[in-house]
Amino acid sequence: MVGQNQEPDNYFSVVVRTVAAEGPLVPAIYALIRGIDPGIVTLHGATRSARINDSQSAWLHRSLAWLVGGFAAMALLLGVIGLYGVIAYSVSQRAREIGIRIALGAEPRSVYRLILREAGRLTLLGIAIGLAGAVAAATLMRGLLFGVRSWDATTLGAVAIVLALAALAASFLTAHRAASVNPVDALRAE
């Protein structure tokens, strides 16, 4: 049996409003309370910001943000792999043409330029369609958002730049492979 004094129900909370920095006030408030009555036990003292940041709701929001970020990274990876596959397929279909160009004395940089130009057109077209779709979807979702802008030009621009750089990296790998094609093998393959 638990005694009456072991689980007292006489506790209270102190909330202090201040214009000064919150952090240094917690130990000062502990000292002030002990100065009033040394028998008062102080527990769980924290600033409002710390309580909010450590709350279950904040943890849930951070977890969801990490989850969405992980899915975004996976989508970027899949997009790069897909673009690499499309460009690699296009280059494999044009292997004979590239082999003839190299056999006739084309420099590797002209093969790079050929492949990167095609990939650039596909990338720009995809980014333009994606940006238009993102703005349209954000406009439709505007009523569902509270306290947040439906779309931000800086964010859309940053995403477009990241996607363009990822597409450039995927295209560069394919262009490098195409520029190092042996013309005899390319012509014999057909």
C-alpha atoms as a PDB file:
ATOM      1  CA  MET A   1       0.000   0.000   0.000  1.00  0.00           C
ATOM      2  CA  VAL A   2       1.306   3.368  -0.992  1.00  0.00           C
ATOM      3  CA  GLY A   3       1.422   5.964   1.716  1.00  0.00           C
ATOM      4  CA  GLN A   4      -0.207   9.348   1.425  1.00  0.00           C
ATOM      5  CA  ASN A   5       3.123  11.196   1.481  1.00  0.00           C
ATOM      6  CA  GLN A   6       4.687   9.142  -1.295  1.00  0.00           C
ATOM      7  CA  GLU A   7       2.373  10.410  -4.030  1.00  0.00           C
ATOM      8  CA  PRO A   8       1.423  13.937  -3.111  1.00  0.00           C
ATOM      9  CA  ASP A   9      -1.067  15.658  -5.310  1.00  0.00           C
ATOM     10  CA  ASN A  10      -0.105  19.120  -4.231  1.00  0.00           C
ATOM     11  CA  TYR A  11       2.001  20.343  -7.110  1.00  0.00           C
ATOM     12  CA  PHE A  12       1.911  23.504  -9.113  1.00  0.00           C
ATOM     13  CA  SER A  13       3.420  24.972 -12.252  1.00  0.00           C
ATOM     14  CA  VAL A  14       5.100  28.306 -12.652  1.00  0.00           C
ATOM     15  CA  VAL A  15       4.911  30.097 -15.971  1.00  0.00           C
ATOM     16  CA  VAL A  16       7.036  33.188 -16.409  1.00  0.00           C
ATOM     17  CA  ARG A  17       6.663  35.695 -19.205  1.00  0.00           C
ATOM     18  CA  THR A  18       9.768  37.652 -20.113  1.00  0.00           C
ATOM     19  CA  VAL A  19      11.264  39.826 -22.797  1.00  0.00           C
ATOM     20  CA  ALA A  20      14.790  38.677 -21.915  1.00  0.00           C
ATOM     21  CA  ALA A  21      16.443  35.493 -23.166  1.00  0.00           C
ATOM     22  CA  GLU A  22      14.614  32.429 -21.827  1.00  0.00           C
ATOM     23  CA  GLY A  23      17.495  30.012 -21.217  1.00  0.00           C
ATOM     24  CA  PRO A  24      19.397  31.789 -18.429  1.00  0.00           C
ATOM     25  CA  LEU A  25      16.183  32.488 -16.490  1.00  0.00           C
ATOM     26  CA  VAL A  26      15.409  28.828 -15.683  1.00  0.00           C
ATOM     27  CA  PRO A  27      18.229  28.420 -13.089  1.00  0.00           C
ATOM     28  CA  ALA A  28      17.413  31.860 -11.675  1.00  0.00           C
ATOM     29  CA  ILE A  29      13.757  30.885 -11.218  1.00  0.00           C
ATOM     30  CA  TYR A  30      14.841  27.610  -9.532  1.00  0.00           C
ATOM     31  CA  ALA A  31      16.987  29.635  -7.129  1.00  0.00           C
ATOM     32  CA  LEU A  32      14.138  32.070  -6.464  1.00  0.00           C
ATOM     33  CA  ILE A  33      11.699  29.242  -5.653  1.00  0.00           C
ATOM     34  CA  ARG A  34      14.232  27.558  -3.326  1.00  0.00           C
ATOM     35  CA  GLY A  35      14.789  30.941  -1.713  1.00  0.00           C
ATOM     36  CA  ILE A  36      11.078  31.133  -0.907  1.00  0.00           C
ATOM     37  CA  ASP A  37      10.902  27.564   0.464  1.00  0.00           C
ATOM     38  CA  PRO A  38      13.871  25.155   0.344  1.00  0.00           C
ATOM     39  CA  GLY A  39      11.498  22.197   0.656  1.00  0.00           C
ATOM     40  CA  ILE A  40       9.906  22.795  -2.725  1.00  0.00           C
ATOM     41  CA  VAL A  41      11.216  20.373  -5.319  1.00  0.00           C
ATOM     42  CA  THR A  42      11.574  21.770  -8.806  1.00  0.00           C
ATOM     43  CA  LEU A  43      11.256  19.411 -11.751  1.00  0.00           C
ATOM     44  CA  HIS A  44      11.100  19.610 -15.520  1.00  0.00           C
ATOM     45  CA  GLY A  45      12.053  23.248 -15.805  1.00  0.00           C
ATOM     46  CA  ALA A  46      12.338  24.236 -19.439  1.00  0.00           C
ATOM     47  CA  THR A  47      11.781  27.139 -21.726  1.00  0.00           C
ATOM     48  CA  ARG A  48       8.714  27.342 -23.886  1.00  0.00           C
ATOM     49  CA  SER A  49      10.833  26.872 -27.011  1.00  0.00           C
ATOM     50  CA  ALA A  50      12.416  23.731 -25.557  1.00  0.00           C
ATOM     51  CA  ARG A  51       9.026  22.293 -24.574  1.00  0.00           C
ATOM     52  CA  ILE A  52       7.644  22.972 -28.046  1.00  0.00           C
ATOM     53  CA  ASN A  53      10.707  21.484 -29.762  1.00  0.00           C
ATOM     54  CA  ASP A  54      10.592  18.386 -27.544  1.00  0.00           C
ATOM     55  CA  SER A  55       6.861  17.873 -27.923  1.00  0.00           C
ATOM     56  CA  GLN A  56       5.373  14.845 -29.605  1.00  0.00           C
ATOM     57  CA  SER A  57       3.784  17.041 -32.254  1.00  0.00           C
ATOM     58  CA  ALA A  58       7.126  18.604 -33.191  1.00  0.00           C
ATOM     59  CA  TRP A  59       8.741  15.161 -33.314  1.00  0.00           C
ATOM     60  CA  LEU A  60       5.969  13.956 -35.606  1.00  0.00           C
ATOM     61  CA  HIS A  61       6.414  16.936 -37.926  1.00  0.00           C
ATOM     62  CA  ARG A  62      10.198  16.447 -38.036  1.00  0.00           C
ATOM     63  CA  SER A  63       9.755  12.740 -38.737  1.00  0.00           C
ATOM     64  CA  LEU A  64       7.345  13.456 -41.562  1.00  0.00           C
ATOM     65  CA  ALA A  65       9.731  16.060 -42.985  1.00  0.00           C
ATOM     66  CA  TRP A  66      12.576  13.514 -42.963  1.00  0.00           C
ATOM     67  CA  LEU A  67      10.295  10.949 -44.576  1.00  0.00           C
ATOM     68  CA  VAL A  68       9.247  13.341 -47.332  1.00  0.00           C
ATOM     69  CA  GLY A  69      12.893  14.341 -47.810  1.00  0.00           C
ATOM     70  CA  GLY A  70      13.838  10.680 -48.160  1.00  0.00           C
ATOM     71  CA  PHE A  71      11.130  10.141 -50.753  1.00  0.00           C
ATOM     72  CA  ALA A  72      12.301  13.266 -52.602  1.00  0.00           C
ATOM     73  CA  ALA A  73      15.881  11.967 -52.649  1.00  0.00           C
ATOM     74  CA  MET A  74      14.640   8.600 -53.911  1.00  0.00           C
ATOM     75  CA  ALA A  75      12.591  10.346 -56.611  1.00  0.00           C
ATOM     76  CA  LEU A  76      15.656  12.339 -57.666  1.00  0.00           C
ATOM     77  CA  LEU A  77      17.739   9.159 -57.840  1.00  0.00           C
ATOM     78  CA  LEU A  78      15.067   7.368 -59.868  1.00  0.00           C
ATOM     79  CA  GLY A  79      14.765  10.390 -62.159  1.00  0.00           C
ATOM     80  CA  VAL A  80      18.511  10.447 -62.786  1.00  0.00           C
ATOM     81  CA  ILE A  81      18.545   6.708 -63.443  1.00  0.00           C
ATOM     82  CA  GLY A  82      15.577   7.070 -65.799  1.00  0.00           C
ATOM     83  CA  LEU A  83      17.158   9.944 -67.698  1.00  0.00           C
ATOM     84  CA  TYR A  84      20.407   8.016 -67.933  1.00  0.00           C
ATOM     85  CA  GLY A  85      18.474   5.059 -69.331  1.00  0.00           C
ATOM     86  CA  VAL A  86      16.660   7.184 -71.925  1.00  0.00           C
ATOM     87  CA  ILE A  87      19.837   8.917 -73.075  1.00  0.00           C
ATOM     88  CA  ALA A  88      21.796   5.626 -73.064  1.00  0.00           C
ATOM     89  CA  TYR A  89      19.088   4.000 -75.167  1.00  0.00           C
ATOM     90  CA  SER A  90      19.101   6.920 -77.584  1.00  0.00           C
ATOM     91  CA  VAL A  91      22.882   6.714 -77.866  1.00  0.00           C
ATOM     92  CA  SER A  92      22.756   2.945 -78.396  1.00  0.00           C
ATOM     93  CA  GLN A  93      20.257   3.484 -81.231  1.00  0.00           C
ATOM     94  CA  ARG A  94      22.672   5.982 -82.775  1.00  0.00           C
ATOM     95  CA  ALA A  95      25.825   3.922 -82.184  1.00  0.00           C
ATOM     96  CA  ARG A  96      26.385   3.465 -85.922  1.00  0.00           C
ATOM     97  CA  GLU A  97      26.041   7.203 -86.554  1.00  0.00           C
ATOM     98  CA  ILE A  98      28.435   7.991 -83.705  1.00  0.00           C
ATOM     99  CA  GLY A  99      30.865   5.329 -84.948  1.00  0.00           C
ATOM    100  CA  ILE A 100      30.829   6.872 -88.444  1.00  0.00           C
ATOM    101  CA  ARG A 101      31.389  10.344 -86.996  1.00  0.00           C
ATOM    102  CA  ILE A 102      34.367   9.114 -84.958  1.00  0.00           C
ATOM    103  CA  ALA A 103      35.735   7.133 -87.955  1.00  0.00           C
ATOM    104  CA  LEU A 104      35.540  10.267 -90.101  1.00  0.00           C
ATOM    105  CA  GLY A 105      37.590  12.175 -87.543  1.00  0.00           C
ATOM    106  CA  ALA A 106      35.046  13.727 -85.194  1.00  0.00           C
ATOM    107  CA  GLU A 107      36.632  14.888 -81.963  1.00  0.00           C
ATOM    108  CA  PRO A 108      35.320  13.443 -78.695  1.00  0.00           C
ATOM    109  CA  ARG A 109      34.121  16.894 -77.620  1.00  0.00           C
ATOM    110  CA  SER A 110      31.797  17.083 -80.650  1.00  0.00           C
ATOM    111  CA  VAL A 111      30.277  13.741 -79.570  1.00  0.00           C
ATOM    112  CA  TYR A 112      29.925  15.134 -76.041  1.00  0.00           C
ATOM    113  CA  ARG A 113      28.235  18.212 -77.452  1.00  0.00           C
ATOM    114  CA  LEU A 114      25.846  16.115 -79.560  1.00  0.00           C
ATOM    115  CA  ILE A 115      24.756  13.956 -76.629  1.00  0.00           C
ATOM    116  CA  LEU A 116      24.626  16.783 -74.088  1.00  0.00           C
ATOM    117  CA  ARG A 117      22.577  18.971 -76.461  1.00  0.00           C
ATOM    118  CA  GLU A 118      19.957  16.232 -76.830  1.00  0.00           C
ATOM    119  CA  ALA A 119      19.911  15.611 -73.097  1.00  0.00           C
ATOM    120  CA  GLY A 120      19.704  19.356 -72.455  1.00  0.00           C
ATOM    121  CA  ARG A 121      16.625  19.669 -74.641  1.00  0.00           C
ATOM    122  CA  LEU A 122      14.937  16.795 -72.824  1.00  0.00           C
ATOM    123  CA  THR A 123      15.934  18.226 -69.458  1.00  0.00           C
ATOM    124  CA  LEU A 124      14.685  21.737 -70.231  1.00  0.00           C
ATOM    125  CA  LEU A 125      11.424  20.371 -71.584  1.00  0.00           C
ATOM    126  CA  GLY A 126      10.946  18.205 -68.489  1.00  0.00           C
ATOM    127  CA  ILE A 127      11.777  21.040 -66.101  1.00  0.00           C
ATOM    128  CA  ALA A 128       9.415  23.435 -67.908  1.00  0.00           C
ATOM    129  CA  ILE A 129       6.561  20.917 -67.795  1.00  0.00           C
ATOM    130  CA  GLY A 130       7.358  20.120 -64.159  1.00  0.00           C
ATOM    131  CA  LEU A 131       7.407  23.785 -63.129  1.00  0.00           C
ATOM    132  CA  ALA A 132       4.100  24.435 -64.883  1.00  0.00           C
ATOM    133  CA  GLY A 133       2.579  21.395 -63.174  1.00  0.00           C
ATOM    134  CA  ALA A 134       3.978  22.429 -59.778  1.00  0.00           C
ATOM    135  CA  VAL A 135       2.554  25.951 -60.057  1.00  0.00           C
ATOM    136  CA  ALA A 136      -0.816  24.588 -61.218  1.00  0.00           C
ATOM    137  CA  ALA A 137      -0.968  22.047 -58.376  1.00  0.00           C
ATOM    138  CA  ALA A 138       0.099  24.663 -55.825  1.00  0.00           C
ATOM    139  CA  THR A 139      -2.597  27.023 -57.058  1.00  0.00           C
ATOM    140  CA  LEU A 140      -5.210  24.292 -56.666  1.00  0.00           C
ATOM    141  CA  MET A 141      -3.958  23.446 -53.160  1.00  0.00           C
ATOM    142  CA  ARG A 142      -3.847  27.059 -51.973  1.00  0.00           C
ATOM    143  CA  GLY A 143      -7.057  26.621 -49.972  1.00  0.00           C
ATOM    144  CA  LEU A 144      -5.601  23.669 -48.045  1.00  0.00           C
ATOM    145  CA  LEU A 145      -2.563  25.564 -46.781  1.00  0.00           C
ATOM    146  CA  PHE A 146      -2.605  27.799 -43.747  1.00  0.00           C
ATOM    147  CA  GLY A 147       0.173  30.258 -43.027  1.00  0.00           C
ATOM    148  CA  VAL A 148       2.290  28.994 -45.922  1.00  0.00           C
ATOM    149  CA  ARG A 149       2.588  30.323 -49.445  1.00  0.00           C
ATOM    150  CA  SER A 150       1.361  27.893 -52.050  1.00  0.00           C
ATOM    151  CA  TRP A 151       4.527  28.210 -54.152  1.00  0.00           C
ATOM    152  CA  ASP A 152       7.805  30.004 -53.855  1.00  0.00           C
ATOM    153  CA  ALA A 153       9.908  31.075 -56.840  1.00  0.00           C
ATOM    154  CA  THR A 154      13.158  30.533 -54.917  1.00  0.00           C
ATOM    155  CA  THR A 155      12.236  26.966 -54.013  1.00  0.00           C
ATOM    156  CA  LEU A 156      11.064  26.161 -57.523  1.00  0.00           C
ATOM    157  CA  GLY A 157      14.261  27.662 -58.957  1.00  0.00           C
ATOM    158  CA  ALA A 158      16.465  25.709 -56.547  1.00  0.00           C
ATOM    159  CA  VAL A 159      14.680  22.462 -57.376  1.00  0.00           C
ATOM    160  CA  ALA A 160      15.018  23.180 -61.111  1.00  0.00           C
ATOM    161  CA  ILE A 161      18.759  23.785 -60.686  1.00  0.00           C
ATOM    162  CA  VAL A 162      19.240  20.572 -58.675  1.00  0.00           C
ATOM    163  CA  LEU A 163      17.327  18.593 -61.306  1.00  0.00           C
ATOM    164  CA  ALA A 164      19.295  20.208 -64.132  1.00  0.00           C
ATOM    165  CA  LEU A 165      22.606  19.376 -62.431  1.00  0.00           C
ATOM    166  CA  ALA A 166      21.492  15.797 -61.808  1.00  0.00           C
ATOM    167  CA  ALA A 167      20.441  15.474 -65.449  1.00  0.00           C
ATOM    168  CA  LEU A 168      23.777  16.922 -66.562  1.00  0.00           C
ATOM    169  CA  ALA A 169      25.626  14.344 -64.478  1.00  0.00           C
ATOM    170  CA  ALA A 170      23.547  11.487 -65.916  1.00  0.00           C
ATOM    171  CA  SER A 171      24.015  12.794 -69.453  1.00  0.00           C
ATOM    172  CA  PHE A 172      27.734  13.306 -69.011  1.00  0.00           C
ATOM    173  CA  LEU A 173      28.205   9.630 -68.146  1.00  0.00           C
ATOM    174  CA  THR A 174      26.393   8.595 -71.308  1.00  0.00           C
ATOM    175  CA  ALA A 175      28.287  11.129 -73.423  1.00  0.00           C
ATOM    176  CA  HIS A 176      31.583   9.883 -72.024  1.00  0.00           C
ATOM    177  CA  ARG A 177      30.673   6.327 -72.949  1.00  0.00           C
ATOM    178  CA  ALA A 178      29.585   7.427 -76.443  1.00  0.00           C
ATOM    179  CA  ALA A 179      32.783   9.419 -77.056  1.00  0.00           C
ATOM    180  CA  SER A 180      34.926   6.411 -76.194  1.00  0.00           C
ATOM    181  CA  VAL A 181      33.157   4.092 -78.661  1.00  0.00           C
ATOM    182  CA  ASN A 182      35.467   2.163 -80.950  1.00  0.00           C
ATOM    183  CA  PRO A 183      34.235   2.963 -84.497  1.00  0.00           C
ATOM    184  CA  VAL A 184      35.031  -0.525 -85.780  1.00  0.00           C
ATOM    185  CA  ASP A 185      32.911  -2.135 -83.044  1.00  0.00           C
ATOM    186  CA  ALA A 186      30.085   0.333 -83.600  1.00  0.00           C
ATOM    187  CA  LEU A 187      30.000  -0.332 -87.358  1.00  0.00           C
ATOM    188  CA  ARG A 188      30.340  -4.087 -86.938  1.00  0.00           C
ATOM    189  CA  ALA A 189      27.453  -4.229 -84.433  1.00  0.00           C
ATOM    190  CA  GLU A 190      24.889  -3.357 -87.094  1.00  0.00           C
END
